[in-house]
Full PDB file with SEQRES, HELIX, SHEET, SSBOND, CRYST1, ORIGX, SCALE, CONECT and MASTER records, all heavy atoms in Angstrom:
SEQRES   1 A   31  PHE TRP ILE GLN ILE TRP LEU TRP GLU ARG PRO GLY GLY          
SEQRES   2 A   31  PRO ARG GLU GLU LYS MET ASN GLY LYS ARG ALA GLY ASN          
SEQRES   3 A   31  VAL ASN ASP ALA HIS                                          
HELIX    1 AA1 VAL A   27  ALA A   30  1                                   4    
SHEET    1 AA1 2 TRP A   2  TRP A   8  0                                        
SHEET    2 AA1 2 ARG A  15  LYS A  22 -1                                        
CRYST1    1.000    1.000    1.000  90.00  90.00  90.00 P 1           1          
ORIGX1      1.000000  0.000000  0.000000        0.00000                         
ORIGX2      0.000000  1.000000  0.000000        0.00000                         
ORIGX3      0.000000  0.000000  1.000000        0.00000                         
SCALE1      1.000000  0.000000  0.000000        0.00000                         
SCALE2      0.000000  1.000000  0.000000        0.00000                         
SCALE3      0.000000  0.000000  1.000000        0.00000                         
ATOM      1  N   PHE A   1      80.063 102.172 -13.964  1.00  0.00           N  
ATOM      2  CA  PHE A   1      80.031 100.949 -13.171  1.00  0.00           C  
ATOM      3  C   PHE A   1      79.036  99.955 -13.838  1.00  0.00           C  
ATOM      4  O   PHE A   1      78.075 100.300 -14.595  1.00  0.00           O  
ATOM      5  CB  PHE A   1      79.538 101.319 -11.746  1.00  0.00           C  
ATOM      6  CG  PHE A   1      78.190 102.088 -11.655  1.00  0.00           C  
ATOM      7  CD1 PHE A   1      77.034 101.266 -11.435  1.00  0.00           C  
ATOM      8  CD2 PHE A   1      78.123 103.411 -11.686  1.00  0.00           C  
ATOM      9  CE1 PHE A   1      75.800 101.898 -11.318  1.00  0.00           C  
ATOM     10  CE2 PHE A   1      76.902 104.035 -11.597  1.00  0.00           C  
ATOM     11  CZ  PHE A   1      75.744 103.298 -11.399  1.00  0.00           C  
ATOM     12  N   TRP A   2      79.224  98.663 -13.446  1.00  0.00           N  
ATOM     13  CA  TRP A   2      78.370  97.543 -13.912  1.00  0.00           C  
ATOM     14  C   TRP A   2      77.539  97.213 -12.577  1.00  0.00           C  
ATOM     15  O   TRP A   2      78.101  97.017 -11.611  1.00  0.00           O  
ATOM     16  CB  TRP A   2      79.164  96.375 -14.365  1.00  0.00           C  
ATOM     17  CG  TRP A   2      78.248  95.405 -15.151  1.00  0.00           C  
ATOM     18  CD1 TRP A   2      77.506  94.486 -14.551  1.00  0.00           C  
ATOM     19  CD2 TRP A   2      78.066  95.387 -16.517  1.00  0.00           C  
ATOM     20  NE1 TRP A   2      76.831  93.802 -15.564  1.00  0.00           N  
ATOM     21  CE2 TRP A   2      77.165  94.302 -16.757  1.00  0.00           C  
ATOM     22  CE3 TRP A   2      78.508  96.123 -17.634  1.00  0.00           C  
ATOM     23  CZ2 TRP A   2      76.763  93.976 -17.966  1.00  0.00           C  
ATOM     24  CZ3 TRP A   2      78.111  95.810 -18.842  1.00  0.00           C  
ATOM     25  CH2 TRP A   2      77.265  94.727 -19.077  1.00  0.00           C  
ATOM     26  N   ILE A   3      76.231  97.108 -12.843  1.00  0.00           N  
ATOM     27  CA  ILE A   3      75.373  96.811 -11.765  1.00  0.00           C  
ATOM     28  C   ILE A   3      74.470  95.667 -12.050  1.00  0.00           C  
ATOM     29  O   ILE A   3      73.936  95.610 -13.095  1.00  0.00           O  
ATOM     30  CB  ILE A   3      74.635  98.106 -11.289  1.00  0.00           C  
ATOM     31  CG1 ILE A   3      73.831  97.824  -9.896  1.00  0.00           C  
ATOM     32  CG2 ILE A   3      73.743  98.581 -12.311  1.00  0.00           C  
ATOM     33  CD1 ILE A   3      73.434  99.038  -9.235  1.00  0.00           C  
ATOM     34  N   GLN A   4      74.297  94.712 -11.083  1.00  0.00           N  
ATOM     35  CA  GLN A   4      73.376  93.582 -11.199  1.00  0.00           C  
ATOM     36  C   GLN A   4      72.582  93.676  -9.932  1.00  0.00           C  
ATOM     37  O   GLN A   4      73.055  93.857  -8.862  1.00  0.00           O  
ATOM     38  CB  GLN A   4      74.096  92.274 -11.143  1.00  0.00           C  
ATOM     39  CG  GLN A   4      74.918  91.967 -12.440  1.00  0.00           C  
ATOM     40  CD  GLN A   4      75.570  90.693 -12.409  1.00  0.00           C  
ATOM     41  OE1 GLN A   4      76.664  90.631 -11.787  1.00  0.00           O  
ATOM     42  NE2 GLN A   4      75.110  89.663 -13.016  1.00  0.00           N  
ATOM     43  N   ILE A   5      71.187  93.641 -10.167  1.00  0.00           N  
ATOM     44  CA  ILE A   5      70.257  93.610  -8.972  1.00  0.00           C  
ATOM     45  C   ILE A   5      69.318  92.456  -9.071  1.00  0.00           C  
ATOM     46  O   ILE A   5      68.787  92.164 -10.165  1.00  0.00           O  
ATOM     47  CB  ILE A   5      69.497  94.992  -9.007  1.00  0.00           C  
ATOM     48  CG1 ILE A   5      70.401  96.173  -8.900  1.00  0.00           C  
ATOM     49  CG2 ILE A   5      68.480  95.007  -7.843  1.00  0.00           C  
ATOM     50  CD1 ILE A   5      69.654  97.500  -9.092  1.00  0.00           C  
ATOM     51  N   TRP A   6      69.214  91.758  -7.929  1.00  0.00           N  
ATOM     52  CA  TRP A   6      68.245  90.670  -7.892  1.00  0.00           C  
ATOM     53  C   TRP A   6      67.114  91.072  -6.804  1.00  0.00           C  
ATOM     54  O   TRP A   6      67.510  91.649  -5.794  1.00  0.00           O  
ATOM     55  CB  TRP A   6      68.885  89.431  -7.490  1.00  0.00           C  
ATOM     56  CG  TRP A   6      69.896  88.903  -8.445  1.00  0.00           C  
ATOM     57  CD1 TRP A   6      69.658  88.117  -9.587  1.00  0.00           C  
ATOM     58  CD2 TRP A   6      71.321  89.190  -8.509  1.00  0.00           C  
ATOM     59  NE1 TRP A   6      70.807  87.956 -10.267  1.00  0.00           N  
ATOM     60  CE2 TRP A   6      71.860  88.551  -9.639  1.00  0.00           C  
ATOM     61  CE3 TRP A   6      72.131  89.910  -7.680  1.00  0.00           C  
ATOM     62  CZ2 TRP A   6      73.260  88.616  -9.830  1.00  0.00           C  
ATOM     63  CZ3 TRP A   6      73.543  90.034  -7.930  1.00  0.00           C  
ATOM     64  CH2 TRP A   6      73.982  89.355  -9.118  1.00  0.00           C  
ATOM     65  N   LEU A   7      65.934  90.604  -6.976  1.00  0.00           N  
ATOM     66  CA  LEU A   7      64.884  90.789  -6.000  1.00  0.00           C  
ATOM     67  C   LEU A   7      64.507  89.461  -5.457  1.00  0.00           C  
ATOM     68  O   LEU A   7      64.232  88.481  -6.107  1.00  0.00           O  
ATOM     69  CB  LEU A   7      63.643  91.442  -6.654  1.00  0.00           C  
ATOM     70  CG  LEU A   7      62.454  91.566  -5.814  1.00  0.00           C  
ATOM     71  CD1 LEU A   7      62.724  92.637  -4.576  1.00  0.00           C  
ATOM     72  CD2 LEU A   7      61.230  92.061  -6.626  1.00  0.00           C  
ATOM     73  N   TRP A   8      64.593  89.377  -4.064  1.00  0.00           N  
ATOM     74  CA  TRP A   8      64.056  88.244  -3.433  1.00  0.00           C  
ATOM     75  C   TRP A   8      62.695  88.570  -2.734  1.00  0.00           C  
ATOM     76  O   TRP A   8      62.616  89.505  -1.938  1.00  0.00           O  
ATOM     77  CB  TRP A   8      64.990  87.882  -2.171  1.00  0.00           C  
ATOM     78  CG  TRP A   8      66.380  87.378  -2.572  1.00  0.00           C  
ATOM     79  CD1 TRP A   8      67.446  88.168  -3.012  1.00  0.00           C  
ATOM     80  CD2 TRP A   8      66.777  86.020  -2.672  1.00  0.00           C  
ATOM     81  NE1 TRP A   8      68.516  87.378  -3.205  1.00  0.00           N  
ATOM     82  CE2 TRP A   8      68.142  86.146  -3.052  1.00  0.00           C  
ATOM     83  CE3 TRP A   8      66.217  84.834  -2.344  1.00  0.00           C  
ATOM     84  CZ2 TRP A   8      68.939  84.966  -3.223  1.00  0.00           C  
ATOM     85  CZ3 TRP A   8      67.049  83.697  -2.534  1.00  0.00           C  
ATOM     86  CH2 TRP A   8      68.275  83.746  -2.824  1.00  0.00           C  
ATOM     87  N   GLU A   9      61.634  87.912  -3.144  1.00  0.00           N  
ATOM     88  CA  GLU A   9      60.365  88.152  -2.702  1.00  0.00           C  
ATOM     89  C   GLU A   9      60.074  87.543  -1.297  1.00  0.00           C  
ATOM     90  O   GLU A   9      59.269  88.084  -0.491  1.00  0.00           O  
ATOM     91  CB  GLU A   9      59.192  87.706  -3.670  1.00  0.00           C  
ATOM     92  CG  GLU A   9      59.225  88.474  -4.957  1.00  0.00           C  
ATOM     93  CD  GLU A   9      58.561  89.892  -4.814  1.00  0.00           C  
ATOM     94  OE1 GLU A   9      57.914  90.104  -3.739  1.00  0.00           O  
ATOM     95  OE2 GLU A   9      58.654  90.648  -5.742  1.00  0.00           O  
ATOM     96  N   ARG A  10      60.705  86.401  -1.089  1.00  0.00           N  
ATOM     97  CA  ARG A  10      60.483  85.732   0.143  1.00  0.00           C  
ATOM     98  C   ARG A  10      61.757  84.904   0.583  1.00  0.00           C  
ATOM     99  O   ARG A  10      62.629  84.624  -0.309  1.00  0.00           O  
ATOM    100  CB  ARG A  10      59.313  84.684   0.024  1.00  0.00           C  
ATOM    101  CG  ARG A  10      59.464  83.691  -1.005  1.00  0.00           C  
ATOM    102  CD  ARG A  10      58.193  82.843  -1.163  1.00  0.00           C  
ATOM    103  NE  ARG A  10      58.475  81.750  -2.012  1.00  0.00           N  
ATOM    104  CZ  ARG A  10      58.438  81.859  -3.490  1.00  0.00           C  
ATOM    105  NH1 ARG A  10      58.302  83.084  -3.960  1.00  0.00           N  
ATOM    106  NH2 ARG A  10      58.680  80.800  -4.247  1.00  0.00           N  
ATOM    107  N   PRO A  11      61.845  84.519   1.759  1.00  0.00           N  
ATOM    108  CA  PRO A  11      63.068  83.711   2.283  1.00  0.00           C  
ATOM    109  C   PRO A  11      63.124  82.416   1.374  1.00  0.00           C  
ATOM    110  O   PRO A  11      62.186  81.818   1.129  1.00  0.00           O  
ATOM    111  CB  PRO A  11      62.745  83.347   3.676  1.00  0.00           C  
ATOM    112  CG  PRO A  11      61.771  84.422   4.191  1.00  0.00           C  
ATOM    113  CD  PRO A  11      60.912  84.705   2.905  1.00  0.00           C  
ATOM    114  N   GLY A  12      64.358  82.067   1.034  1.00  0.00           N  
ATOM    115  CA  GLY A  12      64.605  80.928   0.204  1.00  0.00           C  
ATOM    116  C   GLY A  12      64.494  81.033  -1.231  1.00  0.00           C  
ATOM    117  O   GLY A  12      64.664  80.099  -1.937  1.00  0.00           O  
ATOM    118  N   GLY A  13      64.119  82.118  -1.703  1.00  0.00           N  
ATOM    119  CA  GLY A  13      63.990  82.466  -3.079  1.00  0.00           C  
ATOM    120  C   GLY A  13      62.826  81.865  -3.849  1.00  0.00           C  
ATOM    121  O   GLY A  13      61.761  81.595  -3.146  1.00  0.00           O  
ATOM    122  N   PRO A  14      62.850  81.847  -5.049  1.00  0.00           N  
ATOM    123  CA  PRO A  14      63.962  82.219  -5.943  1.00  0.00           C  
ATOM    124  C   PRO A  14      64.151  83.635  -6.094  1.00  0.00           C  
ATOM    125  O   PRO A  14      63.311  84.460  -5.813  1.00  0.00           O  
ATOM    126  CB  PRO A  14      63.534  81.538  -7.307  1.00  0.00           C  
ATOM    127  CG  PRO A  14      62.063  81.684  -7.271  1.00  0.00           C  
ATOM    128  CD  PRO A  14      61.616  81.467  -5.889  1.00  0.00           C  
ATOM    129  N   ARG A  15      65.339  84.081  -6.530  1.00  0.00           N  
ATOM    130  CA  ARG A  15      65.682  85.465  -6.816  1.00  0.00           C  
ATOM    131  C   ARG A  15      65.467  85.747  -8.253  1.00  0.00           C  
ATOM    132  O   ARG A  15      65.568  84.918  -9.018  1.00  0.00           O  
ATOM    133  CB  ARG A  15      66.963  85.794  -6.320  1.00  0.00           C  
ATOM    134  CG  ARG A  15      68.130  85.253  -7.241  1.00  0.00           C  
ATOM    135  CD  ARG A  15      69.554  85.747  -6.770  1.00  0.00           C  
ATOM    136  NE  ARG A  15      70.511  85.224  -7.692  1.00  0.00           N  
ATOM    137  CZ  ARG A  15      71.802  85.486  -7.555  1.00  0.00           C  
ATOM    138  NH1 ARG A  15      72.264  86.206  -6.539  1.00  0.00           N  
ATOM    139  NH2 ARG A  15      72.647  84.967  -8.473  1.00  0.00           N  
ATOM    140  N   GLU A  16      64.892  86.969  -8.495  1.00  0.00           N  
ATOM    141  CA  GLU A  16      64.659  87.414  -9.817  1.00  0.00           C  
ATOM    142  C   GLU A  16      65.579  88.497 -10.247  1.00  0.00           C  
ATOM    143  O   GLU A  16      65.704  89.482  -9.577  1.00  0.00           O  
ATOM    144  CB  GLU A  16      63.178  87.822  -9.913  1.00  0.00           C  
ATOM    145  CG  GLU A  16      62.748  88.343 -11.326  1.00  0.00           C  
ATOM    146  CD  GLU A  16      61.331  88.907 -11.276  1.00  0.00           C  
ATOM    147  OE1 GLU A  16      60.606  88.832 -10.267  1.00  0.00           O  
ATOM    148  OE2 GLU A  16      61.007  89.507 -12.327  1.00  0.00           O  
ATOM    149  N   GLU A  17      66.291  88.316 -11.356  1.00  0.00           N  
ATOM    150  CA  GLU A  17      67.147  89.320 -11.863  1.00  0.00           C  
ATOM    151  C   GLU A  17      66.412  90.539 -12.402  1.00  0.00           C  
ATOM    152  O   GLU A  17      65.556  90.406 -13.243  1.00  0.00           O  
ATOM    153  CB  GLU A  17      68.073  88.821 -12.999  1.00  0.00           C  
ATOM    154  CG  GLU A  17      69.192  89.857 -13.298  1.00  0.00           C  
ATOM    155  CD  GLU A  17      70.240  89.348 -14.254  1.00  0.00           C  
ATOM    156  OE1 GLU A  17      69.858  89.048 -15.435  1.00  0.00           O  
ATOM    157  OE2 GLU A  17      71.339  89.057 -13.887  1.00  0.00           O  
ATOM    158  N   LYS A  18      66.630  91.694 -11.900  1.00  0.00           N  
ATOM    159  CA  LYS A  18      65.945  92.939 -12.285  1.00  0.00           C  
ATOM    160  C   LYS A  18      66.782  93.818 -13.097  1.00  0.00           C  
ATOM    161  O   LYS A  18      66.258  94.668 -13.811  1.00  0.00           O  
ATOM    162  CB  LYS A  18      65.471  93.607 -11.025  1.00  0.00           C  
ATOM    163  CG  LYS A  18      64.420  92.875 -10.145  1.00  0.00           C  
ATOM    164  CD  LYS A  18      63.263  92.433 -10.985  1.00  0.00           C  
ATOM    165  CE  LYS A  18      62.011  92.933 -10.497  1.00  0.00           C  
ATOM    166  NZ  LYS A  18      60.883  92.545 -11.357  1.00  0.00           N  
ATOM    167  N   MET A  19      68.081  93.787 -12.905  1.00  0.00           N  
ATOM    168  CA  MET A  19      68.983  94.742 -13.635  1.00  0.00           C  
ATOM    169  C   MET A  19      70.290  94.089 -13.902  1.00  0.00           C  
ATOM    170  O   MET A  19      70.832  93.298 -13.014  1.00  0.00           O  
ATOM    171  CB  MET A  19      69.196  95.961 -12.740  1.00  0.00           C  
ATOM    172  CG  MET A  19      70.315  96.879 -13.179  1.00  0.00           C  
ATOM    173  SD  MET A  19      69.883  97.874 -14.639  1.00  0.00           S  
ATOM    174  CE  MET A  19      68.454  98.667 -14.153  1.00  0.00           C  
ATOM    175  N   ASN A  20      70.865  94.248 -15.013  1.00  0.00           N  
ATOM    176  CA  ASN A  20      72.261  93.727 -15.293  1.00  0.00           C  
ATOM    177  C   ASN A  20      72.752  94.647 -16.420  1.00  0.00           C  
ATOM    178  O   ASN A  20      72.484  94.375 -17.653  1.00  0.00           O  
ATOM    179  CB  ASN A  20      72.192  92.273 -15.774  1.00  0.00           C  
ATOM    180  CG  ASN A  20      73.523  91.674 -15.983  1.00  0.00           C  
ATOM    181  OD1 ASN A  20      74.499  92.282 -15.765  1.00  0.00           O  
ATOM    182  ND2 ASN A  20      73.534  90.420 -16.385  1.00  0.00           N  
ATOM    183  N   GLY A  21      73.391  95.733 -16.060  1.00  0.00           N  
ATOM    184  CA  GLY A  21      73.970  96.580 -17.139  1.00  0.00           C  
ATOM    185  C   GLY A  21      74.876  97.643 -16.619  1.00  0.00           C  
ATOM    186  O   GLY A  21      75.215  97.813 -15.488  1.00  0.00           O  
ATOM    187  N   LYS A  22      75.431  98.300 -17.589  1.00  0.00           N  
ATOM    188  CA  LYS A  22      76.501  99.329 -17.389  1.00  0.00           C  
ATOM    189  C   LYS A  22      75.781 100.690 -17.263  1.00  0.00           C  
ATOM    190  O   LYS A  22      74.903 101.047 -17.965  1.00  0.00           O  
ATOM    191  CB  LYS A  22      77.442  99.356 -18.556  1.00  0.00           C  
ATOM    192  CG  LYS A  22      78.740 100.116 -18.349  1.00  0.00           C  
ATOM    193  CD  LYS A  22      79.602  99.905 -19.602  1.00  0.00           C  
ATOM    194  CE  LYS A  22      80.857 100.587 -19.432  1.00  0.00           C  
ATOM    195  NZ  LYS A  22      81.744 100.346 -20.606  1.00  0.00           N  
ATOM    196  N   ARG A  23      76.284 101.536 -16.232  1.00  0.00           N  
ATOM    197  CA  ARG A  23      75.842 102.862 -16.070  1.00  0.00           C  
ATOM    198  C   ARG A  23      76.898 103.865 -15.833  1.00  0.00           C  
ATOM    199  O   ARG A  23      78.065 103.402 -15.428  1.00  0.00           O  
ATOM    200  CB  ARG A  23      74.939 102.952 -14.759  1.00  0.00           C  
ATOM    201  CG  ARG A  23      73.728 102.018 -14.740  1.00  0.00           C  
ATOM    202  CD  ARG A  23      72.632 102.686 -15.665  1.00  0.00           C  
ATOM    203  NE  ARG A  23      71.432 101.816 -15.655  1.00  0.00           N  
ATOM    204  CZ  ARG A  23      71.107 101.007 -16.536  1.00  0.00           C  
ATOM    205  NH1 ARG A  23      71.878 100.701 -17.484  1.00  0.00           N  
ATOM    206  NH2 ARG A  23      69.881 100.295 -16.507  1.00  0.00           N  
ATOM    207  N   ALA A  24      76.733 105.116 -16.217  1.00  0.00           N  
ATOM    208  CA  ALA A  24      77.733 106.145 -15.950  1.00  0.00           C  
ATOM    209  C   ALA A  24      77.707 106.504 -14.528  1.00  0.00           C  
ATOM    210  O   ALA A  24      76.642 106.530 -13.925  1.00  0.00           O  
ATOM    211  CB  ALA A  24      77.445 107.329 -16.976  1.00  0.00           C  
ATOM    212  N   GLY A  25      78.818 106.853 -13.968  1.00  0.00           N  
ATOM    213  CA  GLY A  25      78.979 107.360 -12.595  1.00  0.00           C  
ATOM    214  C   GLY A  25      80.019 106.669 -11.840  1.00  0.00           C  
ATOM    215  O   GLY A  25      80.726 105.845 -12.200  1.00  0.00           O  
ATOM    216  N   ASN A  26      79.990 106.983 -10.518  1.00  0.00           N  
ATOM    217  CA  ASN A  26      81.044 106.491  -9.551  1.00  0.00           C  
ATOM    218  C   ASN A  26      80.241 105.722  -8.539  1.00  0.00           C  
ATOM    219  O   ASN A  26      79.081 105.468  -8.644  1.00  0.00           O  
ATOM    220  CB  ASN A  26      81.787 107.687  -9.027  1.00  0.00           C  
ATOM    221  CG  ASN A  26      80.888 108.669  -8.241  1.00  0.00           C  
ATOM    222  OD1 ASN A  26      79.830 108.327  -7.754  1.00  0.00           O  
ATOM    223  ND2 ASN A  26      81.341 109.902  -8.236  1.00  0.00           N  
ATOM    224  N   VAL A  27      81.070 105.310  -7.491  1.00  0.00           N  
ATOM    225  CA  VAL A  27      80.425 104.526  -6.399  1.00  0.00           C  
ATOM    226  C   VAL A  27      79.270 105.169  -5.685  1.00  0.00           C  
ATOM    227  O   VAL A  27      78.336 104.551  -5.368  1.00  0.00           O  
ATOM    228  CB  VAL A  27      81.482 104.038  -5.414  1.00  0.00           C  
ATOM    229  CG1 VAL A  27      82.183 105.188  -4.572  1.00  0.00           C  
ATOM    230  CG2 VAL A  27      81.111 102.940  -4.534  1.00  0.00           C  
ATOM    231  N   ASN A  28      79.386 106.473  -5.548  1.00  0.00           N  
ATOM    232  CA  ASN A  28      78.201 107.178  -4.971  1.00  0.00           C  
ATOM    233  C   ASN A  28      76.922 107.165  -5.800  1.00  0.00           C  
ATOM    234  O   ASN A  28      75.874 106.978  -5.309  1.00  0.00           O  
ATOM    235  CB  ASN A  28      78.636 108.702  -4.589  1.00  0.00           C  
ATOM    236  CG  ASN A  28      79.615 108.756  -3.533  1.00  0.00           C  
ATOM    237  OD1 ASN A  28      79.772 107.864  -2.639  1.00  0.00           O  
ATOM    238  ND2 ASN A  28      80.560 109.718  -3.729  1.00  0.00           N  
ATOM    239  N   ASP A  29      77.181 107.264  -7.074  1.00  0.00           N  
ATOM    240  CA  ASP A  29      76.062 107.147  -7.978  1.00  0.00           C  
ATOM    241  C   ASP A  29      75.385 105.711  -7.967  1.00  0.00           C  
ATOM    242  O   ASP A  29      74.143 105.619  -8.053  1.00  0.00           O  
ATOM    243  CB  ASP A  29      76.464 107.448  -9.465  1.00  0.00           C  
ATOM    244  CG  ASP A  29      77.005 108.881  -9.631  1.00  0.00           C  
ATOM    245  OD1 ASP A  29      76.303 109.814  -9.090  1.00  0.00           O  
ATOM    246  OD2 ASP A  29      77.996 109.023 -10.329  1.00  0.00           O  
ATOM    247  N   ALA A  30      76.241 104.716  -7.842  1.00  0.00           N  
ATOM    248  CA  ALA A  30      75.746 103.325  -7.743  1.00  0.00           C  
ATOM    249  C   ALA A  30      74.952 103.114  -6.390  1.00  0.00           C  
ATOM    250  O   ALA A  30      73.860 102.583  -6.537  1.00  0.00           O  
ATOM    251  CB  ALA A  30      76.896 102.416  -7.714  1.00  0.00           C  
ATOM    252  N   HIS A  31      75.393 103.680  -5.355  1.00  0.00           N  
ATOM    253  CA  HIS A  31      74.594 103.554  -4.118  1.00  0.00           C  
ATOM    254  C   HIS A  31      73.392 104.392  -4.157  1.00  0.00           C  
ATOM    255  O   HIS A  31      72.299 103.843  -3.705  1.00  0.00           O  
ATOM    256  CB  HIS A  31      75.516 103.978  -2.946  1.00  0.00           C  
ATOM    257  CG  HIS A  31      76.515 103.019  -2.452  1.00  0.00           C  
ATOM    258  ND1 HIS A  31      76.196 101.854  -1.758  1.00  0.00           N  
ATOM    259  CD2 HIS A  31      77.810 102.941  -2.781  1.00  0.00           C  
ATOM    260  CE1 HIS A  31      77.233 101.155  -1.558  1.00  0.00           C  
ATOM    261  NE2 HIS A  31      78.301 101.754  -2.103  1.00  0.00           N  
TER     262      HIS A  31                                                      
MASTER        0    0    0    1    2    0    0    6  261    1    0    3          
END                                                                             
């Protein structure tokens, strides 16, 4: 699966990209 994760520290942003990459596994592993 490919996963992108952003972190919002406060309402209205900005959001910070924390992860953008491919990982082994299925949907349960992603969750």
